[in-house]
Amino acid sequence: MLRDAELHRRTLGITGDTDAADIHHRHRQLIRRWHPDRAPRGREAEFLERTIQLNGAREWMLAHPSFWRVERSTPAVIQAPAMRVEAPRTPTVEPVAPQASTRRQSFDVVRGFDVVDVLAAGWRMLKFIVIVYLVVLGLAIAGWLLTLTGILH
C-alpha cells in the first residue's frame, strides 16, 4: 500500500503534507492539461490513459487520507498570518477601446478563420451556384422551345 501511495503521489505531483483541497486543485490542473478533448490528433489514447490515471490517483488519495495527511503538533501560541492592508482604492473609469468585431470567433484561431466569414462565403457560393444553374436551365428551356417552334433545326 505504501508503494501505491508513492505512485499516486507522483502521478498527481504531490509532495509532503497536503490536504484534500490541494489534491483537488492539483487534479484539476492536470486534467486541464491532459483531458482527452484537448489531445492532438493521434494522441487521444495517451491522453485518455493519463486522465484515467489521474482520476484513479485522486480517488485513491482521497480514500486513504492517512497516506497524505501528516499530523502537525499545534503550537502553544497560535499566530495569525501577517495580513497586507491596502488603502481603499477610489474607483476609476478607464475608457474602453471599441472592438473591431463582436462576432464570435472560430475554434480554429491558429489559421485565423472566422466562423462567420466562412459561413458567409459558403452562403455566397451557394447562391452563385443556384443562379448559374437557373441561367443554364433557362437557356436549355429556351433552346428546347425554339426547336419545338422550328426556329432552330
C-alpha atoms as a PDB file:
ATOM      1  CA  MET A   1       0.000   0.000   0.000  1.00  0.00           C
ATOM      2  CA  LEU A   2       2.949   2.273   0.616  1.00  0.00           C
ATOM      3  CA  ARG A   3       4.027   1.694  -2.971  1.00  0.00           C
ATOM      4  CA  ASP A   4       0.527   2.687  -4.168  1.00  0.00           C
ATOM      5  CA  ALA A   5       0.687   5.848  -2.112  1.00  0.00           C
ATOM      6  CA  GLU A   6       4.034   6.827  -3.644  1.00  0.00           C
ATOM      7  CA  LEU A   7       2.791   6.030  -7.163  1.00  0.00           C
ATOM      8  CA  HIS A   8      -0.335   8.157  -6.732  1.00  0.00           C
ATOM      9  CA  ARG A   9       1.644  10.978  -5.141  1.00  0.00           C
ATOM     10  CA  ARG A  10       3.970  11.024  -8.168  1.00  0.00           C
ATOM     11  CA  THR A  11       1.013  10.829 -10.565  1.00  0.00           C
ATOM     12  CA  LEU A  12      -0.544  13.926  -9.017  1.00  0.00           C
ATOM     13  CA  GLY A  13       2.795  15.617  -8.332  1.00  0.00           C
ATOM     14  CA  ILE A  14       2.080  15.935  -4.619  1.00  0.00           C
ATOM     15  CA  THR A  15       4.968  16.162  -2.186  1.00  0.00           C
ATOM     16  CA  GLY A  16       4.946  16.441   1.564  1.00  0.00           C
ATOM     17  CA  ASP A  17       1.978  17.291   3.733  1.00  0.00           C
ATOM     18  CA  THR A  18      -1.186  18.223   1.885  1.00  0.00           C
ATOM     19  CA  ASP A  19      -4.932  18.340   2.280  1.00  0.00           C
ATOM     20  CA  ALA A  20      -7.983  17.406   0.213  1.00  0.00           C
ATOM     21  CA  ALA A  21      -8.235  20.878  -1.307  1.00  0.00           C
ATOM     22  CA  ASP A  22      -4.639  20.607  -2.583  1.00  0.00           C
ATOM     23  CA  ILE A  23      -5.383  17.195  -4.081  1.00  0.00           C
ATOM     24  CA  HIS A  24      -8.472  18.519  -5.867  1.00  0.00           C
ATOM     25  CA  HIS A  25      -6.604  21.618  -7.057  1.00  0.00           C
ATOM     26  CA  ARG A  26      -3.667  19.620  -8.427  1.00  0.00           C
ATOM     27  CA  HIS A  27      -6.070  17.141 -10.076  1.00  0.00           C
ATOM     28  CA  ARG A  28      -7.936  19.975 -11.798  1.00  0.00           C
ATOM     29  CA  GLN A  29      -4.655  21.467 -13.051  1.00  0.00           C
ATOM     30  CA  LEU A  30      -3.525  18.179 -14.538  1.00  0.00           C
ATOM     31  CA  ILE A  31      -6.940  17.328 -16.006  1.00  0.00           C
ATOM     32  CA  ARG A  32      -6.990  20.731 -17.678  1.00  0.00           C
ATOM     33  CA  ARG A  33      -3.757  19.723 -19.413  1.00  0.00           C
ATOM     34  CA  TRP A  34      -4.427  16.022 -20.096  1.00  0.00           C
ATOM     35  CA  HIS A  35      -8.174  15.904 -20.863  1.00  0.00           C
ATOM     36  CA  PRO A  36      -8.855  13.792 -23.993  1.00  0.00           C
ATOM     37  CA  ASP A  37     -10.787  16.671 -25.574  1.00  0.00           C
ATOM     38  CA  ARG A  38      -7.515  18.643 -25.673  1.00  0.00           C
ATOM     39  CA  ALA A  39      -5.488  15.831 -27.237  1.00  0.00           C
ATOM     40  CA  PRO A  40      -3.724  16.476 -30.540  1.00  0.00           C
ATOM     41  CA  ARG A  41      -4.609  14.152 -33.384  1.00  0.00           C
ATOM     42  CA  GLY A  42      -3.211  10.685 -32.938  1.00  0.00           C
ATOM     43  CA  ARG A  43      -2.585  11.078 -29.179  1.00  0.00           C
ATOM     44  CA  GLU A  44      -6.172  10.630 -27.934  1.00  0.00           C
ATOM     45  CA  ALA A  45      -5.443   7.215 -26.393  1.00  0.00           C
ATOM     46  CA  GLU A  46      -2.439   8.560 -24.477  1.00  0.00           C
ATOM     47  CA  PHE A  47      -4.466  11.466 -23.099  1.00  0.00           C
ATOM     48  CA  LEU A  48      -7.356   9.151 -22.170  1.00  0.00           C
ATOM     49  CA  GLU A  49      -4.971   6.799 -20.341  1.00  0.00           C
ATOM     50  CA  ARG A  50      -3.395   9.722 -18.473  1.00  0.00           C
ATOM     51  CA  THR A  51      -6.855  11.028 -17.480  1.00  0.00           C
ATOM     52  CA  ILE A  52      -7.802   7.597 -16.125  1.00  0.00           C
ATOM     53  CA  GLN A  53      -4.558   7.508 -14.109  1.00  0.00           C
ATOM     54  CA  LEU A  54      -5.188  10.986 -12.706  1.00  0.00           C
ATOM     55  CA  ASN A  55      -8.776  10.162 -11.729  1.00  0.00           C
ATOM     56  CA  GLY A  56      -7.676   6.901 -10.083  1.00  0.00           C
ATOM     57  CA  ALA A  57      -4.881   8.633  -8.173  1.00  0.00           C
ATOM     58  CA  ARG A  58      -7.240  11.320  -6.887  1.00  0.00           C
ATOM     59  CA  GLU A  59      -9.836   8.766  -5.778  1.00  0.00           C
ATOM     60  CA  TRP A  60      -7.201   6.609  -4.047  1.00  0.00           C
ATOM     61  CA  MET A  61      -5.620   9.567  -2.277  1.00  0.00           C
ATOM     62  CA  LEU A  62      -8.985  10.843  -1.026  1.00  0.00           C
ATOM     63  CA  ALA A  63      -9.967   7.354   0.145  1.00  0.00           C
ATOM     64  CA  HIS A  64      -6.681   6.923   2.095  1.00  0.00           C
ATOM     65  CA  PRO A  65      -6.029  10.204   3.937  1.00  0.00           C
ATOM     66  CA  SER A  66      -3.527   8.598   6.317  1.00  0.00           C
ATOM     67  CA  PHE A  67      -1.024   8.410   3.457  1.00  0.00           C
ATOM     68  CA  TRP A  68      -1.098  12.109   2.618  1.00  0.00           C
ATOM     69  CA  ARG A  69      -2.098  13.815   5.836  1.00  0.00           C
ATOM     70  CA  VAL A  70       0.639  14.307   8.380  1.00  0.00           C
ATOM     71  CA  GLU A  71      -0.398  15.213  11.910  1.00  0.00           C
ATOM     72  CA  ARG A  72       1.128  18.500  12.954  1.00  0.00           C
ATOM     73  CA  SER A  73       1.742  19.453  16.532  1.00  0.00           C
ATOM     74  CA  THR A  74      -0.149  22.606  17.385  1.00  0.00           C
ATOM     75  CA  PRO A  75       1.974  25.480  18.640  1.00  0.00           C
ATOM     76  CA  ALA A  76       1.398  26.805  22.132  1.00  0.00           C
ATOM     77  CA  VAL A  77       0.557  30.251  20.794  1.00  0.00           C
ATOM     78  CA  ILE A  78      -1.400  30.478  17.606  1.00  0.00           C
ATOM     79  CA  GLN A  79      -0.193  33.350  15.497  1.00  0.00           C
ATOM     80  CA  ALA A  80      -2.333  34.837  12.801  1.00  0.00           C
ATOM     81  CA  PRO A  81      -0.606  35.145   9.438  1.00  0.00           C
ATOM     82  CA  ALA A  82       0.563  38.621   8.557  1.00  0.00           C
ATOM     83  CA  MET A  83      -2.058  40.382   6.501  1.00  0.00           C
ATOM     84  CA  ARG A  84      -1.379  43.047   3.974  1.00  0.00           C
ATOM     85  CA  VAL A  85      -3.621  46.048   4.427  1.00  0.00           C
ATOM     86  CA  GLU A  86      -4.099  48.328   1.468  1.00  0.00           C
ATOM     87  CA  ALA A  87      -5.563  51.772   1.386  1.00  0.00           C
ATOM     88  CA  PRO A  88      -9.052  51.887  -0.075  1.00  0.00           C
ATOM     89  CA  ARG A  89      -8.982  52.489  -3.777  1.00  0.00           C
ATOM     90  CA  THR A  90     -11.050  55.105  -5.454  1.00  0.00           C
ATOM     91  CA  PRO A  91     -12.907  53.700  -8.403  1.00  0.00           C
ATOM     92  CA  THR A  92     -11.523  54.825 -11.704  1.00  0.00           C
ATOM     93  CA  VAL A  93     -13.230  54.590 -15.019  1.00  0.00           C
ATOM     94  CA  GLU A  94     -10.973  53.734 -17.891  1.00  0.00           C
ATOM     95  CA  PRO A  95     -12.118  54.219 -21.452  1.00  0.00           C
ATOM     96  CA  VAL A  96     -12.983  51.040 -23.238  1.00  0.00           C
ATOM     97  CA  ALA A  97     -11.493  50.661 -26.679  1.00  0.00           C
ATOM     98  CA  PRO A  98     -14.107  49.828 -29.300  1.00  0.00           C
ATOM     99  CA  GLN A  99     -13.877  46.303 -30.564  1.00  0.00           C
ATOM    100  CA  ALA A 100     -13.399  45.761 -34.249  1.00  0.00           C
ATOM    101  CA  SER A 101     -15.898  42.947 -34.312  1.00  0.00           C
ATOM    102  CA  THR A 102     -18.296  41.483 -31.791  1.00  0.00           C
ATOM    103  CA  ARG A 103     -18.760  38.368 -33.871  1.00  0.00           C
ATOM    104  CA  ARG A 104     -17.962  35.021 -32.342  1.00  0.00           C
ATOM    105  CA  GLN A 105     -14.518  33.785 -33.258  1.00  0.00           C
ATOM    106  CA  SER A 106     -13.908  30.343 -34.663  1.00  0.00           C
ATOM    107  CA  PHE A 107     -12.299  27.436 -32.880  1.00  0.00           C
ATOM    108  CA  ASP A 108      -9.529  27.430 -35.471  1.00  0.00           C
ATOM    109  CA  VAL A 109      -7.741  30.511 -34.219  1.00  0.00           C
ATOM    110  CA  VAL A 110      -4.362  29.198 -35.395  1.00  0.00           C
ATOM    111  CA  ARG A 111      -5.265  29.519 -39.049  1.00  0.00           C
ATOM    112  CA  GLY A 112      -7.132  32.784 -38.469  1.00  0.00           C
ATOM    113  CA  PHE A 113     -10.515  31.747 -39.846  1.00  0.00           C
ATOM    114  CA  ASP A 114     -13.599  33.454 -38.572  1.00  0.00           C
ATOM    115  CA  VAL A 115     -16.654  31.177 -38.472  1.00  0.00           C
ATOM    116  CA  VAL A 116     -18.988  33.941 -39.587  1.00  0.00           C
ATOM    117  CA  ASP A 117     -16.811  34.819 -42.584  1.00  0.00           C
ATOM    118  CA  VAL A 118     -16.508  31.181 -43.632  1.00  0.00           C
ATOM    119  CA  LEU A 119     -20.260  30.644 -43.397  1.00  0.00           C
ATOM    120  CA  ALA A 120     -20.946  33.878 -45.298  1.00  0.00           C
ATOM    121  CA  ALA A 121     -18.537  32.827 -48.067  1.00  0.00           C
ATOM    122  CA  GLY A 122     -20.225  29.422 -48.261  1.00  0.00           C
ATOM    123  CA  TRP A 123     -23.639  31.072 -48.486  1.00  0.00           C
ATOM    124  CA  ARG A 124     -22.448  33.394 -51.280  1.00  0.00           C
ATOM    125  CA  MET A 125     -21.014  30.413 -53.169  1.00  0.00           C
ATOM    126  CA  LEU A 126     -24.295  28.522 -52.831  1.00  0.00           C
ATOM    127  CA  LYS A 127     -26.267  31.496 -54.167  1.00  0.00           C
ATOM    128  CA  PHE A 128     -23.851  31.797 -57.113  1.00  0.00           C
ATOM    129  CA  ILE A 129     -24.230  28.098 -57.966  1.00  0.00           C
ATOM    130  CA  VAL A 130     -28.031  28.330 -57.824  1.00  0.00           C
ATOM    131  CA  ILE A 131     -28.038  31.395 -60.119  1.00  0.00           C
ATOM    132  CA  VAL A 132     -25.731  29.688 -62.629  1.00  0.00           C
ATOM    133  CA  TYR A 133     -27.929  26.591 -62.538  1.00  0.00           C
ATOM    134  CA  LEU A 134     -31.058  28.652 -63.172  1.00  0.00           C
ATOM    135  CA  VAL A 135     -29.414  30.511 -66.082  1.00  0.00           C
ATOM    136  CA  VAL A 136     -28.285  27.242 -67.698  1.00  0.00           C
ATOM    137  CA  LEU A 137     -31.718  25.718 -67.113  1.00  0.00           C
ATOM    138  CA  GLY A 138     -33.362  28.804 -68.677  1.00  0.00           C
ATOM    139  CA  LEU A 139     -31.109  28.567 -71.739  1.00  0.00           C
ATOM    140  CA  ALA A 140     -31.882  24.865 -72.078  1.00  0.00           C
ATOM    141  CA  ILE A 141     -35.635  25.519 -71.903  1.00  0.00           C
ATOM    142  CA  ALA A 142     -35.321  28.392 -74.406  1.00  0.00           C
ATOM    143  CA  GLY A 143     -33.389  26.118 -76.798  1.00  0.00           C
ATOM    144  CA  TRP A 144     -35.997  23.389 -76.420  1.00  0.00           C
ATOM    145  CA  LEU A 145     -38.824  25.842 -77.114  1.00  0.00           C
ATOM    146  CA  LEU A 146     -37.003  27.196 -80.165  1.00  0.00           C
ATOM    147  CA  THR A 147     -36.562  23.674 -81.578  1.00  0.00           C
ATOM    148  CA  LEU A 148     -40.252  22.949 -80.969  1.00  0.00           C
ATOM    149  CA  THR A 149     -41.303  26.048 -82.859  1.00  0.00           C
ATOM    150  CA  GLY A 150     -38.952  25.217 -85.697  1.00  0.00           C
ATOM    151  CA  ILE A 151     -36.752  28.274 -85.438  1.00  0.00           C
ATOM    152  CA  LEU A 152     -33.722  26.082 -84.537  1.00  0.00           C
ATOM    153  CA  HIS A 153     -33.264  22.906 -86.532  1.00  0.00           C
END
